PDB file of N, CA and C in Angstrom:
ATOM      1  N   UNK A   1     124.055  11.950  74.033  1.00  0.00           N
ATOM      2  CA  UNK A   1     125.246  11.148  73.871  1.00  0.00           C
ATOM      3  C   UNK A   1     125.625  10.572  75.227  1.00  0.00           C
ATOM      4  N   UNK A   2     125.744   9.276  75.280  1.00  0.00           N
ATOM      5  CA  UNK A   2     126.087   8.591  76.520  1.00  0.00           C
ATOM      6  C   UNK A   2     127.590   8.633  76.731  1.00  0.00           C
ATOM      7  N   UNK A   3     127.980   9.011  77.895  1.00  0.00           N
ATOM      8  CA  UNK A   3     129.403   9.117  78.219  1.00  0.00           C
ATOM      9  C   UNK A   3     129.851   7.847  78.925  1.00  0.00           C
ATOM     10  N   UNK A   4     130.946   7.300  78.476  1.00  0.00           N
ATOM     11  CA  UNK A   4     131.476   6.086  79.089  1.00  0.00           C
ATOM     12  C   UNK A   4     132.757   6.405  79.829  1.00  0.00           C
ATOM     13  N   UNK A   5     133.128   5.499  80.693  1.00  0.00           N
ATOM     14  CA  UNK A   5     134.360   5.651  81.466  1.00  0.00           C
ATOM     15  C   UNK A   5     135.553   5.671  80.503  1.00  0.00           C
ATOM     16  N   UNK A   6     136.494   6.613  80.675  1.00  0.00           N
ATOM     17  CA  UNK A   6     137.635   6.681  79.765  1.00  0.00           C
ATOM     18  C   UNK A   6     138.484   5.424  79.860  1.00  0.00           C
ATOM     19  N   UNK A   7     138.985   5.012  78.722  1.00  0.00           N
ATOM     20  CA  UNK A   7     139.859   3.846  78.669  1.00  0.00           C
ATOM     21  C   UNK A   7     141.302   4.301  78.706  1.00  0.00           C
ATOM     22  N   UNK A   8     142.152   3.450  79.224  1.00  0.00           N
ATOM     23  CA  UNK A   8     143.581   3.736  79.169  1.00  0.00           C
ATOM     24  C   UNK A   8     144.064   3.400  77.770  1.00  0.00           C
ATOM     25  N   UNK A   9     144.988   4.205  77.303  1.00  0.00           N
ATOM     26  CA  UNK A   9     145.595   3.979  76.010  1.00  0.00           C
ATOM     27  C   UNK A   9     146.658   2.904  76.212  1.00  0.00           C
ATOM     28  N   UNK A  10     146.269   1.660  75.934  1.00  0.00           N
ATOM     29  CA  UNK A  10     147.136   0.531  76.218  1.00  0.00           C
ATOM     30  C   UNK A  10     147.252  -0.322  74.965  1.00  0.00           C
ATOM     31  N   UNK A  11     148.438  -0.713  74.642  1.00  0.00           N
ATOM     32  CA  UNK A  11     148.661  -1.613  73.524  1.00  0.00           C
ATOM     33  C   UNK A  11     149.183  -2.934  74.073  1.00  0.00           C
ATOM     34  N   UNK A  12     148.483  -4.000  73.742  1.00  0.00           N
ATOM     35  CA  UNK A  12     149.007  -5.323  74.059  1.00  0.00           C
ATOM     36  C   UNK A  12     149.913  -5.734  72.923  1.00  0.00           C
ATOM     37  N   UNK A  13     150.550  -6.849  73.045  1.00  0.00           N
ATOM     38  CA  UNK A  13     151.439  -7.298  71.980  1.00  0.00           C
ATOM     39  C   UNK A  13     150.640  -7.408  70.696  1.00  0.00           C
ATOM     40  N   UNK A  14     151.133  -6.768  69.656  1.00  0.00           N
ATOM     41  CA  UNK A  14     150.463  -6.754  68.369  1.00  0.00           C
ATOM     42  C   UNK A  14     151.326  -7.506  67.377  1.00  0.00           C
ATOM     43  N   UNK A  15     150.734  -8.455  66.668  1.00  0.00           N
ATOM     44  CA  UNK A  15     151.487  -9.241  65.698  1.00  0.00           C
ATOM     45  C   UNK A  15     151.179  -8.767  64.295  1.00  0.00           C
ATOM     46  N   UNK A  16     152.226  -8.653  63.499  1.00  0.00           N
ATOM     47  CA  UNK A  16     152.058  -8.298  62.100  1.00  0.00           C
ATOM     48  C   UNK A  16     152.808  -9.324  61.279  1.00  0.00           C
ATOM     49  N   UNK A  17     152.388  -9.525  60.078  1.00  0.00           N
ATOM     50  CA  UNK A  17     153.086 -10.431  59.188  1.00  0.00           C
ATOM     51  C   UNK A  17     153.717  -9.628  58.074  1.00  0.00           C
ATOM     52  N   UNK A  18     154.987  -9.793  57.923  1.00  0.00           N
ATOM     53  CA  UNK A  18     155.686  -9.125  56.836  1.00  0.00           C
ATOM     54  C   UNK A  18     155.567  -9.938  55.565  1.00  0.00           C
ATOM     55  N   UNK A  19     156.164  -9.438  54.483  1.00  0.00           N
ATOM     56  CA  UNK A  19     156.114 -10.122  53.196  1.00  0.00           C
ATOM     57  C   UNK A  19     156.757 -11.494  53.291  1.00  0.00           C
ATOM     58  N   UNK A  20     157.730 -11.639  54.172  1.00  0.00           N
ATOM     59  CA  UNK A  20     158.421 -12.914  54.301  1.00  0.00           C
ATOM     60  C   UNK A  20     157.653 -13.913  55.160  1.00  0.00           C
ATOM     61  N   UNK A  21     156.534 -13.447  55.760  1.00  0.00           N
ATOM     62  CA  UNK A  21     155.754 -14.337  56.605  1.00  0.00           C
ATOM     63  C   UNK A  21     156.211 -14.347  58.043  1.00  0.00           C
ATOM     64  N   UNK A  22     157.291 -13.633  58.347  1.00  0.00           N
ATOM     65  CA  UNK A  22     157.754 -13.558  59.727  1.00  0.00           C
ATOM     66  C   UNK A  22     156.804 -12.728  60.554  1.00  0.00           C
ATOM     67  N   UNK A  23     156.694 -13.057  61.823  1.00  0.00           N
ATOM     68  CA  UNK A  23     155.837 -12.302  62.724  1.00  0.00           C
ATOM     69  C   UNK A  23     156.696 -11.447  63.631  1.00  0.00           C
ATOM     70  N   UNK A  24     156.334 -10.187  63.715  1.00  0.00           N
ATOM     71  CA  UNK A  24     157.007  -9.285  64.640  1.00  0.00           C
ATOM     72  C   UNK A  24     155.929  -8.601  65.450  1.00  0.00           C
ATOM     73  N   UNK A  25     156.315  -7.864  66.455  1.00  0.00           N
ATOM     74  CA  UNK A  25     155.294  -7.227  67.269  1.00  0.00           C
ATOM     75  C   UNK A  25     155.766  -5.922  67.869  1.00  0.00           C
ATOM     76  N   UNK A  26     154.798  -5.165  68.351  1.00  0.00           N
ATOM     77  CA  UNK A  26     155.076  -3.928  69.068  1.00  0.00           C
ATOM     78  C   UNK A  26     154.758  -4.210  70.520  1.00  0.00           C
ATOM     79  N   UNK A  27     155.745  -4.183  71.370  1.00  0.00           N
ATOM     80  CA  UNK A  27     155.464  -4.423  72.776  1.00  0.00           C
ATOM     81  C   UNK A  27     155.139  -3.101  73.470  1.00  0.00           C
ATOM     82  N   UNK A  28     154.651  -3.193  74.676  1.00  0.00           N
ATOM     83  CA  UNK A  28     154.211  -2.000  75.397  1.00  0.00           C
ATOM     84  C   UNK A  28     155.374  -1.049  75.662  1.00  0.00           C
ATOM     85  N   UNK A  29     156.561  -1.581  75.864  1.00  0.00           N
ATOM     86  CA  UNK A  29     157.728  -0.734  76.116  1.00  0.00           C
ATOM     87  C   UNK A  29     158.060   0.109  74.886  1.00  0.00           C
ATOM     88  N   UNK A  30     158.033  -0.524  73.714  1.00  0.00           N
ATOM     89  CA  UNK A  30     158.288   0.185  72.463  1.00  0.00           C
ATOM     90  C   UNK A  30     157.219   1.243  72.230  1.00  0.00           C
ATOM     91  N   UNK A  31     155.963   0.863  72.457  1.00  0.00           N
ATOM     92  CA  UNK A  31     154.874   1.809  72.268  1.00  0.00           C
ATOM     93  C   UNK A  31     155.023   3.004  73.211  1.00  0.00           C
ATOM     94  N   UNK A  32     155.269   2.724  74.477  1.00  0.00           N
ATOM     95  CA  UNK A  32     155.365   3.799  75.475  1.00  0.00           C
ATOM     96  C   UNK A  32     156.520   4.743  75.157  1.00  0.00           C
ATOM     97  N   UNK A  33     157.666   4.208  74.762  1.00  0.00           N
ATOM     98  CA  UNK A  33     158.805   5.080  74.468  1.00  0.00           C
ATOM     99  C   UNK A  33     158.551   5.896  73.202  1.00  0.00           C
ATOM    100  N   UNK A  34     157.904   5.300  72.217  1.00  0.00           N
ATOM    101  CA  UNK A  34     157.572   6.032  70.989  1.00  0.00           C
ATOM    102  C   UNK A  34     156.554   7.126  71.278  1.00  0.00           C
ATOM    103  N   UNK A  35     155.511   6.795  72.029  1.00  0.00           N
ATOM    104  CA  UNK A  35     154.500   7.788  72.397  1.00  0.00           C
ATOM    105  C   UNK A  35     155.131   8.912  73.203  1.00  0.00           C
ATOM    106  N   UNK A  36     156.038   8.573  74.091  1.00  0.00           N
ATOM    107  CA  UNK A  36     156.718   9.583  74.896  1.00  0.00           C
ATOM    108  C   UNK A  36     157.537  10.543  74.059  1.00  0.00           C
ATOM    109  N   UNK A  37     158.233   9.996  73.062  1.00  0.00           N
ATOM    110  CA  UNK A  37     159.020  10.867  72.180  1.00  0.00           C
ATOM    111  C   UNK A  37     158.113  11.820  71.403  1.00  0.00           C
ATOM    112  N   UNK A  38     156.961  11.317  70.957  1.00  0.00           N
ATOM    113  CA  UNK A  38     156.010  12.172  70.241  1.00  0.00           C
ATOM    114  C   UNK A  38     155.503  13.273  71.167  1.00  0.00           C
ATOM    115  N   UNK A  39     155.118  12.902  72.389  1.00  0.00           N
ATOM    116  CA  UNK A  39     154.633  13.903  73.342  1.00  0.00           C
ATOM    117  C   UNK A  39     155.690  14.972  73.626  1.00  0.00           C
ATOM    118  N   UNK A  40     156.932  14.538  73.788  1.00  0.00           N
ATOM    119  CA  UNK A  40     158.017  15.502  74.032  1.00  0.00           C
ATOM    120  C   UNK A  40     158.212  16.409  72.820  1.00  0.00           C
ATOM    121  N   UNK A  41     158.155  15.834  71.623  1.00  0.00           N
ATOM    122  CA  UNK A  41     158.318  16.646  70.412  1.00  0.00           C
ATOM    123  C   UNK A  41     157.201  17.675  70.275  1.00  0.00           C
ATOM    124  N   UNK A  42     155.983  17.276  70.608  1.00  0.00           N
ATOM    125  CA  UNK A  42     154.863  18.225  70.545  1.00  0.00           C
ATOM    126  C   UNK A  42     155.083  19.351  71.545  1.00  0.00           C
ATOM    127  N   UNK A  43     155.426  18.984  72.776  1.00  0.00           N
ATOM    128  CA  UNK A  43     155.640  20.005  73.817  1.00  0.00           C
ATOM    129  C   UNK A  43     156.769  20.956  73.449  1.00  0.00           C
ATOM    130  N   UNK A  44     157.900  20.410  73.046  1.00  0.00           N
ATOM    131  CA  UNK A  44     159.040  21.278  72.720  1.00  0.00           C
ATOM    132  C   UNK A  44     158.782  22.059  71.434  1.00  0.00           C
ATOM    133  N   UNK A  45     158.015  21.469  70.523  1.00  0.00           N
ATOM    134  CA  UNK A  45     157.636  22.194  69.310  1.00  0.00           C
ATOM    135  C   UNK A  45     156.758  23.391  69.614  1.00  0.00           C
ATOM    136  N   UNK A  46     156.024  23.321  70.703  1.00  0.00           N
ATOM    137  CA  UNK A  46     155.196  24.440  71.160  1.00  0.00           C
ATOM    138  C   UNK A  46     155.993  25.372  72.077  1.00  0.00           C
ATOM    139  N   UNK A  47     157.274  25.029  72.255  1.00  0.00           N
ATOM    140  CA  UNK A  47     158.188  25.818  73.100  1.00  0.00           C
ATOM    141  C   UNK A  47     157.669  25.944  74.534  1.00  0.00           C
ATOM    142  N   UNK A  48     157.199  24.824  75.045  1.00  0.00           N
ATOM    143  CA  UNK A  48     156.685  24.783  76.415  1.00  0.00           C
ATOM    144  C   UNK A  48     157.640  23.988  77.295  1.00  0.00           C
ATOM    145  N   UNK A  49     157.917  24.510  78.468  1.00  0.00           N
ATOM    146  CA  UNK A  49     158.676  23.744  79.456  1.00  0.00           C
ATOM    147  C   UNK A  49     157.687  22.859  80.217  1.00  0.00           C
ATOM    148  N   UNK A  50     158.218  21.914  80.953  1.00  0.00           N
ATOM    149  CA  UNK A  50     157.347  21.070  81.784  1.00  0.00           C
ATOM    150  C   UNK A  50     156.579  21.922  82.785  1.00  0.00           C
ATOM    151  N   UNK A  51     157.229  22.917  83.325  1.00  0.00           N
ATOM    152  CA  UNK A  51     156.572  23.792  84.297  1.00  0.00           C
ATOM    153  C   UNK A  51     155.449  24.602  83.642  1.00  0.00           C
ATOM    154  N   UNK A  52     155.682  25.059  82.421  1.00  0.00           N
ATOM    155  CA  UNK A  52     154.642  25.802  81.704  1.00  0.00           C
ATOM    156  C   UNK A  52     153.421  24.935  81.420  1.00  0.00           C
ATOM    157  N   UNK A  53     153.645  23.661  81.145  1.00  0.00           N
ATOM    158  CA  UNK A  53     152.528  22.735  80.928  1.00  0.00           C
ATOM    159  C   UNK A  53     151.697  22.641  82.207  1.00  0.00           C
ATOM    160  N   UNK A  54     152.375  22.532  83.341  1.00  0.00           N
ATOM    161  CA  UNK A  54     151.669  22.462  84.624  1.00  0.00           C
ATOM    162  C   UNK A  54     150.841  23.721  84.865  1.00  0.00           C
ATOM    163  N   UNK A  55     151.409  24.862  84.568  1.00  0.00           N
ATOM    164  CA  UNK A  55     150.707  26.129  84.768  1.00  0.00           C
ATOM    165  C   UNK A  55     149.527  26.250  83.806  1.00  0.00           C
ATOM    166  N   UNK A  56     149.759  25.965  82.516  1.00  0.00           N
ATOM    167  CA  UNK A  56     148.689  26.051  81.515  1.00  0.00           C
ATOM    168  C   UNK A  56     147.545  25.093  81.805  1.00  0.00           C
ATOM    169  N   UNK A  57     147.871  23.974  82.423  1.00  0.00           N
ATOM    170  CA  UNK A  57     146.839  22.966  82.699  1.00  0.00           C
ATOM    171  C   UNK A  57     146.055  23.271  83.964  1.00  0.00           C
ATOM    172  N   UNK A  58     146.415  24.334  84.644  1.00  0.00           N
ATOM    173  CA  UNK A  58     145.731  24.676  85.886  1.00  0.00           C
ATOM    174  C   UNK A  58     146.003  23.658  86.981  1.00  0.00           C
ATOM    175  N   UNK A  59     147.155  23.017  86.902  1.00  0.00           N
ATOM    176  CA  UNK A  59     147.529  22.044  87.918  1.00  0.00           C
ATOM    177  C   UNK A  59     147.074  20.625  87.643  1.00  0.00           C
ATOM    178  N   UNK A  60     146.402  20.394  86.524  1.00  0.00           N
ATOM    179  CA  UNK A  60     145.966  19.024  86.187  1.00  0.00           C
ATOM    180  C   UNK A  60     147.156  18.112  85.906  1.00  0.00           C
ATOM    181  N   UNK A  61     148.242  18.694  85.425  1.00  0.00           N
ATOM    182  CA  UNK A  61     149.454  17.931  85.130  1.00  0.00           C
ATOM    183  C   UNK A  61     150.615  18.497  85.927  1.00  0.00           C
ATOM    184  N   UNK A  62     151.337  17.633  86.594  1.00  0.00           N
ATOM    185  CA  UNK A  62     152.564  18.036  87.288  1.00  0.00           C
ATOM    186  C   UNK A  62     153.723  17.809  86.332  1.00  0.00           C
ATOM    187  N   UNK A  63     154.771  18.615  86.459  1.00  0.00           N
ATOM    188  CA  UNK A  63     155.924  18.423  85.581  1.00  0.00           C
ATOM    189  C   UNK A  63     156.467  16.991  85.621  1.00  0.00           C
ATOM    190  N   UNK A  64     156.499  16.395  86.792  1.00  0.00           N
ATOM    191  CA  UNK A  64     157.035  15.026  86.909  1.00  0.00           C
ATOM    192  C   UNK A  64     156.150  14.009  86.186  1.00  0.00           C
ATOM    193  N   UNK A  65     154.832  14.234  86.173  1.00  0.00           N
ATOM    194  CA  UNK A  65     153.928  13.328  85.461  1.00  0.00           C
ATOM    195  C   UNK A  65     154.148  13.402  83.961  1.00  0.00           C
ATOM    196  N   UNK A  66     154.215  14.628  83.454  1.00  0.00           N
ATOM    197  CA  UNK A  66     154.433  14.806  82.019  1.00  0.00           C
ATOM    198  C   UNK A  66     155.782  14.211  81.623  1.00  0.00           C
ATOM    199  N   UNK A  67     156.795  14.446  82.430  1.00  0.00           N
ATOM    200  CA  UNK A  67     158.126  13.900  82.143  1.00  0.00           C
ATOM    201  C   UNK A  67     158.101  12.371  82.126  1.00  0.00           C
ATOM    202  N   UNK A  68     157.345  11.764  83.032  1.00  0.00           N
ATOM    203  CA  UNK A  68     157.294  10.294  83.052  1.00  0.00           C
ATOM    204  C   UNK A  68     156.522   9.743  81.852  1.00  0.00           C
ATOM    205  N   UNK A  69     155.508  10.478  81.361  1.00  0.00           N
ATOM    206  CA  UNK A  69     154.841  10.078  80.106  1.00  0.00           C
ATOM    207  C   UNK A  69     155.851  10.147  78.963  1.00  0.00           C
ATOM    208  N   UNK A  70     156.617  11.221  78.930  1.00  0.00           N
ATOM    209  CA  UNK A  70     157.583  11.424  77.855  1.00  0.00           C
ATOM    210  C   UNK A  70     158.709  10.399  77.875  1.00  0.00           C
ATOM    211  N   UNK A  71     159.056   9.906  79.040  1.00  0.00           N
ATOM    212  CA  UNK A  71     160.094   8.865  79.144  1.00  0.00           C
ATOM    213  C   UNK A  71     159.526   7.472  78.906  1.00  0.00           C
ATOM    214  N   UNK A  72     158.209   7.368  78.780  1.00  0.00           N
ATOM    215  CA  UNK A  72     157.578   6.067  78.560  1.00  0.00           C
ATOM    216  C   UNK A  72     157.440   5.249  79.820  1.00  0.00           C
ATOM    217  N   UNK A  73     157.503   5.893  80.975  1.00  0.00           N
ATOM    218  CA  UNK A  73     157.438   5.187  82.250  1.00  0.00           C
ATOM    219  C   UNK A  73     156.013   5.030  82.777  1.00  0.00           C
ATOM    220  N   UNK A  74     155.100   5.860  82.297  1.00  0.00           N
ATOM    221  CA  UNK A  74     153.706   5.821  82.756  1.00  0.00           C
ATOM    222  C   UNK A  74     152.784   5.662  81.564  1.00  0.00           C
ATOM    223  N   UNK A  75     151.663   4.955  81.793  1.00  0.00           N
ATOM    224  CA  UNK A  75     150.646   4.836  80.758  1.00  0.00           C
ATOM    225  C   UNK A  75     149.747   6.061  80.794  1.00  0.00           C
ATOM    226  N   UNK A  76     149.307   6.473  79.637  1.00  0.00           N
ATOM    227  CA  UNK A  76     148.490   7.663  79.492  1.00  0.00           C
ATOM    228  C   UNK A  76     147.068   7.261  79.117  1.00  0.00           C
ATOM    229  N   UNK A  77     146.095   7.620  79.958  1.00  0.00           N
ATOM    230  CA  UNK A  77     144.704   7.308  79.641  1.00  0.00           C
ATOM    231  C   UNK A  77     144.233   8.210  78.510  1.00  0.00           C
ATOM    232  N   UNK A  78     143.161   7.812  77.847  1.00  0.00           N
ATOM    233  CA  UNK A  78     142.606   8.651  76.787  1.00  0.00           C
ATOM    234  C   UNK A  78     142.172  10.003  77.327  1.00  0.00           C
ATOM    235  N   UNK A  79     141.582   9.997  78.507  1.00  0.00           N
ATOM    236  CA  UNK A  79     141.151  11.249  79.123  1.00  0.00           C
ATOM    237  C   UNK A  79     142.341  12.196  79.311  1.00  0.00           C
ATOM    238  N   UNK A  80     143.440  11.658  79.809  1.00  0.00           N
ATOM    239  CA  UNK A  80     144.640  12.477  80.024  1.00  0.00           C
ATOM    240  C   UNK A  80     145.248  12.925  78.689  1.00  0.00           C
ATOM    241  N   UNK A  81     145.221  12.043  77.690  1.00  0.00           N
ATOM    242  CA  UNK A  81     145.728  12.409  76.375  1.00  0.00           C
ATOM    243  C   UNK A  81     144.925  13.583  75.806  1.00  0.00           C
ATOM    244  N   UNK A  82     143.604  13.512  75.927  1.00  0.00           N
ATOM    245  CA  UNK A  82     142.762  14.597  75.439  1.00  0.00           C
ATOM    246  C   UNK A  82     143.061  15.891  76.193  1.00  0.00           C
ATOM    247  N   UNK A  83     143.205  15.808  77.508  1.00  0.00           N
ATOM    248  CA  UNK A  83     143.516  16.997  78.307  1.00  0.00           C
ATOM    249  C   UNK A  83     144.873  17.578  77.936  1.00  0.00           C
ATOM    250  N   UNK A  84     145.849  16.708  77.779  1.00  0.00           N
ATOM    251  CA  UNK A  84     147.189  17.169  77.425  1.00  0.00           C
ATOM    252  C   UNK A  84     147.202  17.787  76.029  1.00  0.00           C
ATOM    253  N   UNK A  85     146.481  17.188  75.104  1.00  0.00           N
ATOM    254  CA  UNK A  85     146.431  17.758  73.753  1.00  0.00           C
ATOM    255  C   UNK A  85     145.760  19.132  73.767  1.00  0.00           C
ATOM    256  N   UNK A  86     144.792  19.312  74.647  1.00  0.00           N
ATOM    257  CA  UNK A  86     144.143  20.626  74.802  1.00  0.00           C
ATOM    258  C   UNK A  86     145.143  21.658  75.319  1.00  0.00           C
ATOM    259  N   UNK A  87     145.951  21.268  76.287  1.00  0.00           N
ATOM    260  CA  UNK A  87     146.983  22.163  76.821  1.00  0.00           C
ATOM    261  C   UNK A  87     147.966  22.535  75.709  1.00  0.00           C
ATOM    262  N   UNK A  88     148.301  21.572  74.850  1.00  0.00           N
ATOM    263  CA  UNK A  88     149.248  21.813  73.768  1.00  0.00           C
ATOM    264  C   UNK A  88     148.609  22.530  72.578  1.00  0.00           C
ATOM    265  N   UNK A  89     147.285  22.570  72.533  1.00  0.00           N
ATOM    266  CA  UNK A  89     146.606  23.218  71.414  1.00  0.00           C
ATOM    267  C   UNK A  89     146.672  22.413  70.131  1.00  0.00           C
ATOM    268  N   UNK A  90     146.570  21.093  70.259  1.00  0.00           N
ATOM    269  CA  UNK A  90     146.637  20.199  69.101  1.00  0.00           C
ATOM    270  C   UNK A  90     145.571  19.129  69.264  1.00  0.00           C
ATOM    271  N   UNK A  91     145.007  18.676  68.156  1.00  0.00           N
ATOM    272  CA  UNK A  91     143.990  17.629  68.223  1.00  0.00           C
ATOM    273  C   UNK A  91     144.642  16.311  68.654  1.00  0.00           C
ATOM    274  N   UNK A  92     143.969  15.551  69.526  1.00  0.00           N
ATOM    275  CA  UNK A  92     144.548  14.280  69.972  1.00  0.00           C
ATOM    276  C   UNK A  92     144.762  13.299  68.822  1.00  0.00           C
ATOM    277  N   UNK A  93     143.929  13.380  67.797  1.00  0.00           N
ATOM    278  CA  UNK A  93     144.090  12.497  66.637  1.00  0.00           C
ATOM    279  C   UNK A  93     145.436  12.705  65.952  1.00  0.00           C
ATOM    280  N   UNK A  94     145.925  13.942  65.959  1.00  0.00           N
ATOM    281  CA  UNK A  94     147.224  14.221  65.344  1.00  0.00           C
ATOM    282  C   UNK A  94     148.351  13.593  66.151  1.00  0.00           C
ATOM    283  N   UNK A  95     148.207  13.601  67.475  1.00  0.00           N
ATOM    284  CA  UNK A  95     149.226  12.972  68.319  1.00  0.00           C
ATOM    285  C   UNK A  95     149.247  11.469  68.064  1.00  0.00           C
ATOM    286  N   UNK A  96     148.068  10.868  68.025  1.00  0.00           N
ATOM    287  CA  UNK A  96     147.979   9.427  67.774  1.00  0.00           C
ATOM    288  C   UNK A  96     148.515   9.082  66.386  1.00  0.00           C
ATOM    289  N   UNK A  97     148.198   9.896  65.393  1.00  0.00           N
ATOM    290  CA  UNK A  97     148.700   9.652  64.041  1.00  0.00           C
ATOM    291  C   UNK A  97     150.227   9.712  64.008  1.00  0.00           C
ATOM    292  N   UNK A  98     150.805  10.650  64.747  1.00  0.00           N
ATOM    293  CA  UNK A  98     152.267  10.753  64.797  1.00  0.00           C
ATOM    294  C   UNK A  98     152.881   9.522  65.451  1.00  0.00           C
ATOM    295  N   UNK A  99     152.237   9.029  66.513  1.00  0.00           N
ATOM    296  CA  UNK A  99     152.719   7.810  67.173  1.00  0.00           C
ATOM    297  C   UNK A  99     152.653   6.635  66.197  1.00  0.00           C
ATOM    298  N   UNK A 100     151.510   6.493  65.535  1.00  0.00           N
ATOM    299  CA  UNK A 100     151.333   5.391  64.582  1.00  0.00           C
ATOM    300  C   UNK A 100     152.348   5.482  63.444  1.00  0.00           C
ATOM    301  N   UNK A 101     152.585   6.680  62.971  1.00  0.00           N
ATOM    302  CA  UNK A 101     153.556   6.872  61.888  1.00  0.00           C
ATOM    303  C   UNK A 101     154.952   6.428  62.316  1.00  0.00           C
ATOM    304  N   UNK A 102     155.328   6.801  63.517  1.00  0.00           N
ATOM    305  CA  UNK A 102     156.663   6.421  64.008  1.00  0.00           C
ATOM    306  C   UNK A 102     156.780   4.928  64.271  1.00  0.00           C
ATOM    307  N   UNK A 103     155.662   4.298  64.547  1.00  0.00           N
ATOM    308  CA  UNK A 103     155.678   2.850  64.744  1.00  0.00           C
ATOM    309  C   UNK A 103     155.675   2.115  63.406  1.00  0.00           C
ATOM    310  N   UNK A 104     155.659   2.861  62.321  1.00  0.00           N
ATOM    311  CA  UNK A 104     155.769   2.254  61.000  1.00  0.00           C
ATOM    312  C   UNK A 104     154.448   1.862  60.377  1.00  0.00           C
ATOM    313  N   UNK A 105     153.373   2.572  60.706  1.00  0.00           N
ATOM    314  CA  UNK A 105     152.091   2.277  60.089  1.00  0.00           C
ATOM    315  C   UNK A 105     151.406   1.047  60.637  1.00  0.00           C
ATOM    316  N   UNK A 106     151.794   0.600  61.825  1.00  0.00           N
ATOM    317  CA  UNK A 106     151.232  -0.602  62.410  1.00  0.00           C
ATOM    318  C   UNK A 106     149.740  -0.469  62.718  1.00  0.00           C
ATOM    319  N   UNK A 107     149.212   0.776  62.768  1.00  0.00           N
ATOM    320  CA  UNK A 107     147.817   0.960  63.146  1.00  0.00           C
ATOM    321  C   UNK A 107     146.852   0.284  62.181  1.00  0.00           C
ATOM    322  N   UNK A 108     147.263   0.066  60.929  1.00  0.00           N
ATOM    323  CA  UNK A 108     146.387  -0.582  59.962  1.00  0.00           C
ATOM    324  C   UNK A 108     146.357  -2.098  60.125  1.00  0.00           C
ATOM    325  N   UNK A 109     147.263  -2.639  60.934  1.00  0.00           N
ATOM    326  CA  UNK A 109     147.373  -4.087  61.051  1.00  0.00           C
ATOM    327  C   UNK A 109     147.109  -4.597  62.457  1.00  0.00           C
ATOM    328  N   UNK A 110     146.423  -3.843  63.268  1.00  0.00           N
ATOM    329  CA  UNK A 110     146.129  -4.290  64.628  1.00  0.00           C
ATOM    330  C   UNK A 110     145.150  -5.458  64.611  1.00  0.00           C
ATOM    331  N   UNK A 111     145.361  -6.400  65.500  1.00  0.00           N
ATOM    332  CA  UNK A 111     144.406  -7.498  65.660  1.00  0.00           C
ATOM    333  C   UNK A 111     143.085  -6.937  66.139  1.00  0.00           C
ATOM    334  N   UNK A 112     141.967  -7.590  65.771  1.00  0.00           N
ATOM    335  CA  UNK A 112     140.641  -7.130  66.177  1.00  0.00           C
ATOM    336  C   UNK A 112     140.497  -7.082  67.696  1.00  0.00           C
ATOM    337  N   UNK A 113     141.170  -7.965  68.415  1.00  0.00           N
ATOM    338  CA  UNK A 113     141.051  -8.001  69.868  1.00  0.00           C
ATOM    339  C   UNK A 113     141.850  -6.895  70.556  1.00  0.00           C
ATOM    340  N   UNK A 114     142.764  -6.278  69.827  1.00  0.00           N
ATOM    341  CA  UNK A 114     143.584  -5.227  70.414  1.00  0.00           C
ATOM    342  C   UNK A 114     142.886  -3.884  70.303  1.00  0.00           C
ATOM    343  N   UNK A 115     143.368  -2.939  71.085  1.00  0.00           N
ATOM    344  CA  UNK A 115     142.791  -1.599  71.090  1.00  0.00           C
ATOM    345  C   UNK A 115     143.161  -0.916  69.784  1.00  0.00           C
ATOM    346  N   UNK A 116     142.161  -0.421  69.065  1.00  0.00           N
ATOM    347  CA  UNK A 116     142.435   0.349  67.854  1.00  0.00           C
ATOM    348  C   UNK A 116     142.400   1.811  68.242  1.00  0.00           C
ATOM    349  N   UNK A 117     143.554   2.366  68.383  1.00  0.00           N
ATOM    350  CA  UNK A 117     143.701   3.700  68.948  1.00  0.00           C
ATOM    351  C   UNK A 117     142.956   4.745  68.137  1.00  0.00           C
ATOM    352  N   UNK A 118     143.170   4.748  66.858  1.00  0.00           N
ATOM    353  CA  UNK A 118     142.549   5.783  66.041  1.00  0.00           C
ATOM    354  C   UNK A 118     141.041   5.685  66.111  1.00  0.00           C
ATOM    355  N   UNK A 119     140.503   4.489  66.062  1.00  0.00           N
ATOM    356  CA  UNK A 119     139.056   4.306  66.151  1.00  0.00           C
ATOM    357  C   UNK A 119     138.496   4.784  67.476  1.00  0.00           C
ATOM    358  N   UNK A 120     139.211   4.539  68.562  1.00  0.00           N
ATOM    359  CA  UNK A 120     138.748   4.987  69.872  1.00  0.00           C
ATOM    360  C   UNK A 120     138.714   6.505  69.934  1.00  0.00           C
ATOM    361  N   UNK A 121     139.704   7.144  69.367  1.00  0.00           N
ATOM    362  CA  UNK A 121     139.776   8.600  69.451  1.00  0.00           C
ATOM    363  C   UNK A 121     138.769   9.291  68.552  1.00  0.00           C
ATOM    364  N   UNK A 122     138.489   8.693  67.396  1.00  0.00           N
ATOM    365  CA  UNK A 122     137.579   9.338  66.458  1.00  0.00           C
ATOM    366  C   UNK A 122     136.139   8.890  66.664  1.00  0.00           C
ATOM    367  N   UNK A 123     135.939   7.877  67.514  1.00  0.00           N
ATOM    368  CA  UNK A 123     134.590   7.407  67.790  1.00  0.00           C
ATOM    369  C   UNK A 123     134.107   6.358  66.804  1.00  0.00           C
ATOM    370  N   UNK A 124     134.981   5.908  65.905  1.00  0.00           N
ATOM    371  CA  UNK A 124     134.605   4.860  64.952  1.00  0.00           C
ATOM    372  C   UNK A 124     135.139   3.543  65.460  1.00  0.00           C
ATOM    373  N   UNK A 125     134.462   2.506  65.156  1.00  0.00           N
ATOM    374  CA  UNK A 125     134.904   1.164  65.570  1.00  0.00           C
ATOM    375  C   UNK A 125     134.838   0.241  64.369  1.00  0.00           C
ATOM    376  N   UNK A 126     135.739  -0.744  64.343  1.00  0.00           N
ATOM    377  CA  UNK A 126     135.666  -1.768  63.299  1.00  0.00           C
ATOM    378  C   UNK A 126     134.402  -2.573  63.514  1.00  0.00           C
ATOM    379  N   UNK A 127     133.740  -2.863  62.463  1.00  0.00           N
ATOM    380  CA  UNK A 127     132.495  -3.629  62.557  1.00  0.00           C
ATOM    381  C   UNK A 127     132.662  -4.983  61.929  1.00  0.00           C
TER     382      UNK A 127
END
């Protein structure tokens, strides 16, 4: 299996068409804040403090880094997402599914040119 350089989990503006034909989108700020809330919910659901995450990760994550991901201030690479999900003891696909769910199911309507998060994490790609 050939290993490739990890990609950053980045969402560009995504356009969707509603029943009325109006176009709306998910901007990076909305995505980052939603992803941050999911990450915080996972951490607190595991009853972990930011400091405990740093300790469990063997120093790979600093409390301030995790806090900035949770506030939506920093972008999270796929590599870091996988590492963080390992620290939390949860599959990264579940974290991504929770983010997509909170965004209202937008993952099914991503433009082909945009990053398809679920496909990247599961190793499947649209053909």
